[in-house]
C-alpha atoms as a PDB file:
ATOM      1  CA  MET A   1      -0.216  -0.156   0.123  1.00  0.00           C
ATOM      2  CA  SER A   2       1.580   3.458  -0.868  1.00  0.00           C
ATOM      3  CA  LEU A   3       0.220   6.532   0.842  1.00  0.00           C
ATOM      4  CA  THR A   4       1.153   9.501  -0.873  1.00  0.00           C
ATOM      5  CA  PRO A   5       2.038  13.368   0.881  1.00  0.00           C
ATOM      6  CA  LYS A   6      -1.250  14.700  -0.148  1.00  0.00           C
ATOM      7  CA  GLU A   7      -2.618  11.811   2.421  1.00  0.00           C
ATOM      8  CA  ILE A   8      -0.498  12.373   4.427  1.00  0.00           C
ATOM      9  CA  THR A   9      -1.384  15.824   4.810  1.00  0.00           C
ATOM     10  CA  HIS A  10      -5.183  15.286   4.741  1.00  0.00           C
ATOM     11  CA  ILE A  11      -4.372  12.714   8.056  1.00  0.00           C
ATOM     12  CA  ALA A  12      -2.222  15.594   9.823  1.00  0.00           C
ATOM     13  CA  THR A  13      -5.642  17.846   9.449  1.00  0.00           C
ATOM     14  CA  LEU A  14      -7.825  15.171  10.791  1.00  0.00           C
ATOM     15  CA  ALA A  15      -5.421  14.346  13.379  1.00  0.00           C
ATOM     16  CA  ARG A  16      -4.932  18.697  13.590  1.00  0.00           C
ATOM     17  CA  LEU A  17      -1.408  18.690  13.865  1.00  0.00           C
ATOM     18  CA  LYS A  18       0.768  20.870  11.095  1.00  0.00           C
ATOM     19  CA  THR A  19       3.141  19.269   8.437  1.00  0.00           C
ATOM     20  CA  SER A  20       5.270  20.523   5.782  1.00  0.00           C
ATOM     21  CA  SER A  21       5.495  19.299   2.590  1.00  0.00           C
ATOM     22  CA  GLU A  22       8.818  17.940   3.665  1.00  0.00           C
ATOM     23  CA  GLN A  23       7.628  15.470   6.552  1.00  0.00           C
ATOM     24  CA  ALA A  24       4.313  14.924   4.505  1.00  0.00           C
ATOM     25  CA  GLU A  25       6.868  12.987   2.142  1.00  0.00           C
ATOM     26  CA  PHE A  26       8.962  11.628   5.108  1.00  0.00           C
ATOM     27  CA  TYR A  27       6.297  10.448   6.495  1.00  0.00           C
ATOM     28  CA  ALA A  28       4.366   8.794   3.368  1.00  0.00           C
ATOM     29  CA  THR A  29       7.542   6.409   2.573  1.00  0.00           C
ATOM     30  CA  GLN A  30       7.739   5.661   6.455  1.00  0.00           C
ATOM     31  CA  LEU A  31       4.601   4.611   6.695  1.00  0.00           C
ATOM     32  CA  SER A  32       3.930   2.951   2.881  1.00  0.00           C
ATOM     33  CA  ARG A  33       6.689   0.973   4.418  1.00  0.00           C
ATOM     34  CA  ILE A  34       5.214  -0.222   7.783  1.00  0.00           C
ATOM     35  CA  MET A  35       1.950  -1.021   5.528  1.00  0.00           C
ATOM     36  CA  ASP A  36       3.297  -3.032   3.539  1.00  0.00           C
ATOM     37  CA  LEU A  37       5.336  -4.632   6.752  1.00  0.00           C
ATOM     38  CA  ILE A  38       1.979  -5.620   7.560  1.00  0.00           C
ATOM     39  CA  LYS A  39       0.886  -6.473   4.720  1.00  0.00           C
ATOM     40  CA  GLN A  40       3.126  -9.135   4.398  1.00  0.00           C
ATOM     41  CA  MET A  41       2.527 -10.330   7.774  1.00  0.00           C
ATOM     42  CA  ASN A  42      -0.787 -11.153   7.169  1.00  0.00           C
ATOM     43  CA  THR A  43      -0.022 -12.935   4.753  1.00  0.00           C
ATOM     44  CA  ILE A  44       1.287 -15.682   7.199  1.00  0.00           C
ATOM     45  CA  ASP A  45      -0.471 -18.715   7.946  1.00  0.00           C
ATOM     46  CA  THR A  46      -0.922 -18.634  11.608  1.00  0.00           C
ATOM     47  CA  SER A  47      -3.143 -21.595  12.030  1.00  0.00           C
ATOM     48  CA  ASP A  48      -1.047 -24.073  13.768  1.00  0.00           C
ATOM     49  CA  ILE A  49       0.522 -21.812  16.015  1.00  0.00           C
ATOM     50  CA  GLU A  50      -0.709 -21.597  19.210  1.00  0.00           C
ATOM     51  CA  PRO A  51      -0.991 -18.215  21.214  1.00  0.00           C
ATOM     52  CA  MET A  52       1.492 -17.005  24.259  1.00  0.00           C
ATOM     53  CA  SER A  53       0.788 -15.224  26.744  1.00  0.00           C
ATOM     54  CA  HIS A  54       4.634 -13.462  27.001  1.00  0.00           C
ATOM     55  CA  PRO A  55       6.517 -13.498  23.841  1.00  0.00           C
ATOM     56  CA  GLN A  56       9.250 -15.313  26.000  1.00  0.00           C
ATOM     57  CA  ASP A  57       7.423 -17.476  28.537  1.00  0.00           C
ATOM     58  CA  PRO A  58       9.404 -16.964  31.459  1.00  0.00           C
ATOM     59  CA  ALA A  59       9.504 -19.726  34.075  1.00  0.00           C
ATOM     60  CA  LEU A  60       8.821 -17.748  37.623  1.00  0.00           C
ATOM     61  CA  ARG A  61      10.620 -18.312  40.411  1.00  0.00           C
ATOM     62  CA  LEU A  62       7.888 -19.330  42.539  1.00  0.00           C
ATOM     63  CA  ARG A  63       8.291 -19.464  47.063  1.00  0.00           C
ATOM     64  CA  ALA A  64       7.111 -21.687  49.055  1.00  0.00           C
ATOM     65  CA  ASP A  65       3.701 -20.990  50.808  1.00  0.00           C
ATOM     66  CA  GLU A  66       5.014 -20.713  54.182  1.00  0.00           C
ATOM     67  CA  VAL A  67       4.155 -18.287  57.012  1.00  0.00           C
ATOM     68  CA  THR A  68       7.040 -15.808  58.000  1.00  0.00           C
ATOM     69  CA  ALA A  69       5.369 -13.061  59.859  1.00  0.00           C
ATOM     70  CA  THR A  70       3.544 -13.347  62.957  1.00  0.00           C
ATOM     71  CA  ASN A  71       0.466 -12.677  64.077  1.00  0.00           C
ATOM     72  CA  LEU A  72       0.041  -9.165  66.201  1.00  0.00           C
ATOM     73  CA  ARG A  73      -3.329  -8.487  66.049  1.00  0.00           C
ATOM     74  CA  GLU A  74      -4.211  -9.323  69.692  1.00  0.00           C
ATOM     75  CA  ALA A  75      -0.671  -7.217  70.393  1.00  0.00           C
ATOM     76  CA  TYR A  76      -2.131  -3.860  68.517  1.00  0.00           C
ATOM     77  CA  GLN A  77      -5.775  -4.365  69.421  1.00  0.00           C
ATOM     78  CA  THR A  78      -4.191  -3.664  73.099  1.00  0.00           C
ATOM     79  CA  VAL A  79      -3.526   0.226  73.097  1.00  0.00           C
ATOM     80  CA  ALA A  80      -6.496   0.952  70.382  1.00  0.00           C
ATOM     81  CA  PRO A  81      -9.188   2.719  72.499  1.00  0.00           C
ATOM     82  CA  ALA A  82     -12.013   0.159  71.356  1.00  0.00           C
ATOM     83  CA  THR A  83     -12.494  -3.078  70.280  1.00  0.00           C
ATOM     84  CA  GLU A  84     -15.116  -5.951  70.082  1.00  0.00           C
ATOM     85  CA  ASN A  85     -14.321  -9.529  68.466  1.00  0.00           C
ATOM     86  CA  GLY A  86     -11.639  -8.442  66.356  1.00  0.00           C
ATOM     87  CA  LEU A  87     -12.379  -5.443  65.636  1.00  0.00           C
ATOM     88  CA  TYR A  88     -11.920  -1.469  65.703  1.00  0.00           C
ATOM     89  CA  LEU A  89     -14.865   0.507  67.105  1.00  0.00           C
ATOM     90  CA  VAL A  90     -14.255   4.093  65.800  1.00  0.00           C
ATOM     91  CA  PRO A  91     -16.762   6.314  66.724  1.00  0.00           C
ATOM     92  CA  LYS A  92     -20.123   7.285  63.892  1.00  0.00           C
ATOM     93  CA  VAL A  93     -19.132   9.754  61.363  1.00  0.00           C
ATOM     94  CA  ILE A  94     -21.699  10.242  58.958  1.00  0.00           C
ATOM     95  CA  ASP A  95     -25.560  10.584  60.961  1.00  0.00           C
END
């Protein structure tokens, strides 16, 4: 697919961008090359290829699911002004 500088200028106008004639020439060439690459990639048969969640398919290093911190709720609630059944009680602020 080949884009012309006139088409690039029109697209730039729609996007509310200013482009000079030199920029339009440059972008026409570059975008045409990108569109040709996309066209070439669309011709490749990918029906037998399984989708991947990540291109490098990294192996995750997982640690063992072990408790490392102790439960300090009782110690924290001893200094709280009011608690009930393991919950902090606070004054009502909305009527």
